[in-house]
């Protein structure tokens, strides 16, 4: 199947795109482990069905040294043995924050408390920003039909 891009947001909304790239720079410099951020981006992109972001973040994670096992099992992180307790907490938070409409209490206290056991307040703030950011990118790429491999 050939995907035809509907619209190029980067070209048509360059100021918004630059602002989002600024958030990416913040995330690149924050104190959350880069592997954790990539896993969160991959999991949110799986949930949102964003092939472009999955392709991009799988490639980024591989360049950073991630194993195939950790990458192909992100969707089954609860059952897979490859993740630390901190990464599991970040993945649970990512899922809850990505699926806000799926339950009456979108991010239950137990998920937040578990994440807070592993991350400082500053790291939690950055993780929340990272989750919001990848969800925004997913929506831009899915709506615009950005093709995987086009970067």
C-alpha atoms as a PDB file:
ATOM      1  CA  UNK A   1       0.000   0.000   0.000  1.00  0.00           C
ATOM      2  CA  UNK A   2       1.339   3.404  -0.925  1.00  0.00           C
ATOM      3  CA  UNK A   3       0.538   6.183   1.531  1.00  0.00           C
ATOM      4  CA  UNK A   4       0.110   9.644   0.085  1.00  0.00           C
ATOM      5  CA  UNK A   5       0.818  12.468   2.488  1.00  0.00           C
ATOM      6  CA  UNK A   6      -2.227  14.746   2.797  1.00  0.00           C
ATOM      7  CA  UNK A   7      -0.473  17.843   4.050  1.00  0.00           C
ATOM      8  CA  UNK A   8       3.030  18.872   5.084  1.00  0.00           C
ATOM      9  CA  UNK A   9       2.596  20.443   8.507  1.00  0.00           C
ATOM     10  CA  UNK A  10       6.290  21.315   8.777  1.00  0.00           C
ATOM     11  CA  UNK A  11       6.110  23.461   5.640  1.00  0.00           C
ATOM     12  CA  UNK A  12       2.678  24.992   6.271  1.00  0.00           C
ATOM     13  CA  UNK A  13       3.023  25.667  10.008  1.00  0.00           C
ATOM     14  CA  UNK A  14       6.770  26.254  10.430  1.00  0.00           C
ATOM     15  CA  UNK A  15       6.498  28.214  13.697  1.00  0.00           C
ATOM     16  CA  UNK A  16       4.491  25.434  15.340  1.00  0.00           C
ATOM     17  CA  UNK A  17       6.936  22.853  14.028  1.00  0.00           C
ATOM     18  CA  UNK A  18       9.912  24.840  15.405  1.00  0.00           C
ATOM     19  CA  UNK A  19       8.173  25.106  18.783  1.00  0.00           C
ATOM     20  CA  UNK A  20       7.652  21.336  18.876  1.00  0.00           C
ATOM     21  CA  UNK A  21      11.309  20.800  17.929  1.00  0.00           C
ATOM     22  CA  UNK A  22      12.151  23.052  20.904  1.00  0.00           C
ATOM     23  CA  UNK A  23      10.276  20.659  23.181  1.00  0.00           C
ATOM     24  CA  UNK A  24      12.274  17.802  21.634  1.00  0.00           C
ATOM     25  CA  UNK A  25      15.507  19.636  22.510  1.00  0.00           C
ATOM     26  CA  UNK A  26      14.289  19.982  26.104  1.00  0.00           C
ATOM     27  CA  UNK A  27      13.542  16.245  26.228  1.00  0.00           C
ATOM     28  CA  UNK A  28      16.923  15.390  24.751  1.00  0.00           C
ATOM     29  CA  UNK A  29      18.577  17.343  27.588  1.00  0.00           C
ATOM     30  CA  UNK A  30      16.298  16.258  30.451  1.00  0.00           C
ATOM     31  CA  UNK A  31      17.269  13.811  33.180  1.00  0.00           C
ATOM     32  CA  UNK A  32      14.947  10.957  32.109  1.00  0.00           C
ATOM     33  CA  UNK A  33      16.998   8.089  30.681  1.00  0.00           C
ATOM     34  CA  UNK A  34      16.924   8.263  26.864  1.00  0.00           C
ATOM     35  CA  UNK A  35      15.947   4.573  26.635  1.00  0.00           C
ATOM     36  CA  UNK A  36      12.903   5.254  28.811  1.00  0.00           C
ATOM     37  CA  UNK A  37      11.847   8.141  26.591  1.00  0.00           C
ATOM     38  CA  UNK A  38      12.201   6.013  23.452  1.00  0.00           C
ATOM     39  CA  UNK A  39      10.188   3.179  24.992  1.00  0.00           C
ATOM     40  CA  UNK A  40       7.435   5.613  25.969  1.00  0.00           C
ATOM     41  CA  UNK A  41       7.410   7.098  22.456  1.00  0.00           C
ATOM     42  CA  UNK A  42       7.200   3.637  20.919  1.00  0.00           C
ATOM     43  CA  UNK A  43       4.381   2.512  23.223  1.00  0.00           C
ATOM     44  CA  UNK A  44       2.265   5.627  22.638  1.00  0.00           C
ATOM     45  CA  UNK A  45       2.855   5.328  18.889  1.00  0.00           C
ATOM     46  CA  UNK A  46       1.728   1.687  18.979  1.00  0.00           C
ATOM     47  CA  UNK A  47      -1.472   2.657  20.789  1.00  0.00           C
ATOM     48  CA  UNK A  48      -2.111   5.520  18.373  1.00  0.00           C
ATOM     49  CA  UNK A  49      -1.263   3.502  15.261  1.00  0.00           C
ATOM     50  CA  UNK A  50       1.398   5.931  14.049  1.00  0.00           C
ATOM     51  CA  UNK A  51       3.593   4.007  11.606  1.00  0.00           C
ATOM     52  CA  UNK A  52       5.809   7.037  10.932  1.00  0.00           C
ATOM     53  CA  UNK A  53       6.670   7.531  14.616  1.00  0.00           C
ATOM     54  CA  UNK A  54       7.123   3.796  15.199  1.00  0.00           C
ATOM     55  CA  UNK A  55       9.599   3.615  12.333  1.00  0.00           C
ATOM     56  CA  UNK A  56      11.449   6.721  13.528  1.00  0.00           C
ATOM     57  CA  UNK A  57      11.677   5.711  17.193  1.00  0.00           C
ATOM     58  CA  UNK A  58      12.567   2.086  16.502  1.00  0.00           C
ATOM     59  CA  UNK A  59      15.452   3.353  14.370  1.00  0.00           C
ATOM     60  CA  UNK A  60      16.503   5.894  17.031  1.00  0.00           C
ATOM     61  CA  UNK A  61      16.382   3.242  19.742  1.00  0.00           C
ATOM     62  CA  UNK A  62      18.424   0.798  17.642  1.00  0.00           C
ATOM     63  CA  UNK A  63      21.049   3.500  16.989  1.00  0.00           C
ATOM     64  CA  UNK A  64      21.201   4.061  20.754  1.00  0.00           C
ATOM     65  CA  UNK A  65      21.907   0.363  21.310  1.00  0.00           C
ATOM     66  CA  UNK A  66      18.487  -1.037  22.208  1.00  0.00           C
ATOM     67  CA  UNK A  67      18.108  -4.793  21.754  1.00  0.00           C
ATOM     68  CA  UNK A  68      15.648  -6.342  19.353  1.00  0.00           C
ATOM     69  CA  UNK A  69      13.949  -8.132  22.265  1.00  0.00           C
ATOM     70  CA  UNK A  70      13.227  -4.896  24.106  1.00  0.00           C
ATOM     71  CA  UNK A  71      11.904  -3.252  20.956  1.00  0.00           C
ATOM     72  CA  UNK A  72       9.655  -5.979  19.612  1.00  0.00           C
ATOM     73  CA  UNK A  73       8.143  -6.662  23.018  1.00  0.00           C
ATOM     74  CA  UNK A  74       7.165  -3.110  24.026  1.00  0.00           C
ATOM     75  CA  UNK A  75       3.485  -3.833  23.331  1.00  0.00           C
ATOM     76  CA  UNK A  76       3.720  -6.770  25.769  1.00  0.00           C
ATOM     77  CA  UNK A  77       5.884  -5.020  28.373  1.00  0.00           C
ATOM     78  CA  UNK A  78       3.884  -6.444  31.287  1.00  0.00           C
ATOM     79  CA  UNK A  79       4.798 -10.015  30.325  1.00  0.00           C
ATOM     80  CA  UNK A  80       8.249  -9.449  28.833  1.00  0.00           C
ATOM     81  CA  UNK A  81      11.249  -9.780  31.175  1.00  0.00           C
ATOM     82  CA  UNK A  82      13.396  -7.126  29.488  1.00  0.00           C
ATOM     83  CA  UNK A  83      12.283  -3.985  31.359  1.00  0.00           C
ATOM     84  CA  UNK A  84      13.273  -2.459  34.683  1.00  0.00           C
ATOM     85  CA  UNK A  85      10.679  -1.544  37.294  1.00  0.00           C
ATOM     86  CA  UNK A  86      11.264   2.126  36.453  1.00  0.00           C
ATOM     87  CA  UNK A  87      10.662   1.504  32.741  1.00  0.00           C
ATOM     88  CA  UNK A  88       7.500  -0.451  33.565  1.00  0.00           C
ATOM     89  CA  UNK A  89       6.245   2.472  35.636  1.00  0.00           C
ATOM     90  CA  UNK A  90       6.957   4.864  32.754  1.00  0.00           C
ATOM     91  CA  UNK A  91       5.200   2.547  30.289  1.00  0.00           C
ATOM     92  CA  UNK A  92       2.145   2.277  32.561  1.00  0.00           C
ATOM     93  CA  UNK A  93       2.019   6.072  32.831  1.00  0.00           C
ATOM     94  CA  UNK A  94       2.418   6.366  29.058  1.00  0.00           C
ATOM     95  CA  UNK A  95      -0.468   3.989  28.417  1.00  0.00           C
ATOM     96  CA  UNK A  96      -2.759   5.714  30.907  1.00  0.00           C
ATOM     97  CA  UNK A  97      -1.940   9.209  29.628  1.00  0.00           C
ATOM     98  CA  UNK A  98      -2.369   8.110  26.013  1.00  0.00           C
ATOM     99  CA  UNK A  99      -5.729   6.402  26.650  1.00  0.00           C
ATOM    100  CA  UNK A 100      -7.342   9.194  28.661  1.00  0.00           C
ATOM    101  CA  UNK A 101     -10.907   8.419  27.542  1.00  0.00           C
ATOM    102  CA  UNK A 102     -10.738   4.688  28.277  1.00  0.00           C
ATOM    103  CA  UNK A 103     -11.617   4.824  31.985  1.00  0.00           C
ATOM    104  CA  UNK A 104     -13.310   7.113  34.508  1.00  0.00           C
ATOM    105  CA  UNK A 105     -10.030   7.780  36.342  1.00  0.00           C
ATOM    106  CA  UNK A 106      -7.634   8.116  33.388  1.00  0.00           C
ATOM    107  CA  UNK A 107      -4.425   8.073  35.427  1.00  0.00           C
ATOM    108  CA  UNK A 108      -5.134   6.244  38.680  1.00  0.00           C
ATOM    109  CA  UNK A 109      -3.144   7.140  41.776  1.00  0.00           C
ATOM    110  CA  UNK A 110      -1.501   3.693  41.791  1.00  0.00           C
ATOM    111  CA  UNK A 111       0.077   4.387  38.394  1.00  0.00           C
ATOM    112  CA  UNK A 112       1.244   7.839  39.473  1.00  0.00           C
ATOM    113  CA  UNK A 113       2.577   6.633  42.846  1.00  0.00           C
ATOM    114  CA  UNK A 114       4.495   3.824  41.165  1.00  0.00           C
ATOM    115  CA  UNK A 115       6.081   6.267  38.708  1.00  0.00           C
ATOM    116  CA  UNK A 116       6.929   8.616  41.583  1.00  0.00           C
ATOM    117  CA  UNK A 117       8.858   5.787  43.292  1.00  0.00           C
ATOM    118  CA  UNK A 118      11.270   5.703  40.365  1.00  0.00           C
ATOM    119  CA  UNK A 119      11.473   9.275  39.115  1.00  0.00           C
ATOM    120  CA  UNK A 120      12.075  12.664  40.729  1.00  0.00           C
ATOM    121  CA  UNK A 121       9.466  15.399  40.399  1.00  0.00           C
ATOM    122  CA  UNK A 122      11.536  17.005  37.622  1.00  0.00           C
ATOM    123  CA  UNK A 123      11.809  13.686  35.807  1.00  0.00           C
ATOM    124  CA  UNK A 124       8.068  13.087  36.171  1.00  0.00           C
ATOM    125  CA  UNK A 125       7.386  16.524  34.722  1.00  0.00           C
ATOM    126  CA  UNK A 126       9.656  15.749  31.769  1.00  0.00           C
ATOM    127  CA  UNK A 127       8.041  12.339  31.313  1.00  0.00           C
ATOM    128  CA  UNK A 128       4.571  13.924  31.245  1.00  0.00           C
ATOM    129  CA  UNK A 129       5.827  16.408  28.638  1.00  0.00           C
ATOM    130  CA  UNK A 130       7.356  13.558  26.601  1.00  0.00           C
ATOM    131  CA  UNK A 131       4.078  11.622  26.643  1.00  0.00           C
ATOM    132  CA  UNK A 132       2.088  14.698  25.618  1.00  0.00           C
ATOM    133  CA  UNK A 133       4.631  15.489  22.904  1.00  0.00           C
ATOM    134  CA  UNK A 134       4.610  12.035  21.301  1.00  0.00           C
ATOM    135  CA  UNK A 135       0.817  12.009  21.374  1.00  0.00           C
ATOM    136  CA  UNK A 136       0.841  15.354  19.551  1.00  0.00           C
ATOM    137  CA  UNK A 137       3.358  14.067  16.982  1.00  0.00           C
ATOM    138  CA  UNK A 138       1.268  10.904  16.516  1.00  0.00           C
ATOM    139  CA  UNK A 139      -1.810  12.967  15.785  1.00  0.00           C
ATOM    140  CA  UNK A 140      -0.004  15.200  13.315  1.00  0.00           C
ATOM    141  CA  UNK A 141       1.548  12.251  11.504  1.00  0.00           C
ATOM    142  CA  UNK A 142      -1.579  10.070  11.438  1.00  0.00           C
ATOM    143  CA  UNK A 143      -3.868  12.890  10.270  1.00  0.00           C
ATOM    144  CA  UNK A 144      -1.379  14.097   7.643  1.00  0.00           C
ATOM    145  CA  UNK A 145      -0.535  10.490   6.630  1.00  0.00           C
ATOM    146  CA  UNK A 146       3.191  10.955   7.035  1.00  0.00           C
ATOM    147  CA  UNK A 147       4.812   7.914   5.461  1.00  0.00           C
ATOM    148  CA  UNK A 148       7.144   5.694   7.493  1.00  0.00           C
ATOM    149  CA  UNK A 149      10.741   5.968   6.360  1.00  0.00           C
ATOM    150  CA  UNK A 150      10.304   9.493   5.002  1.00  0.00           C
ATOM    151  CA  UNK A 151      12.914  10.995   7.328  1.00  0.00           C
END
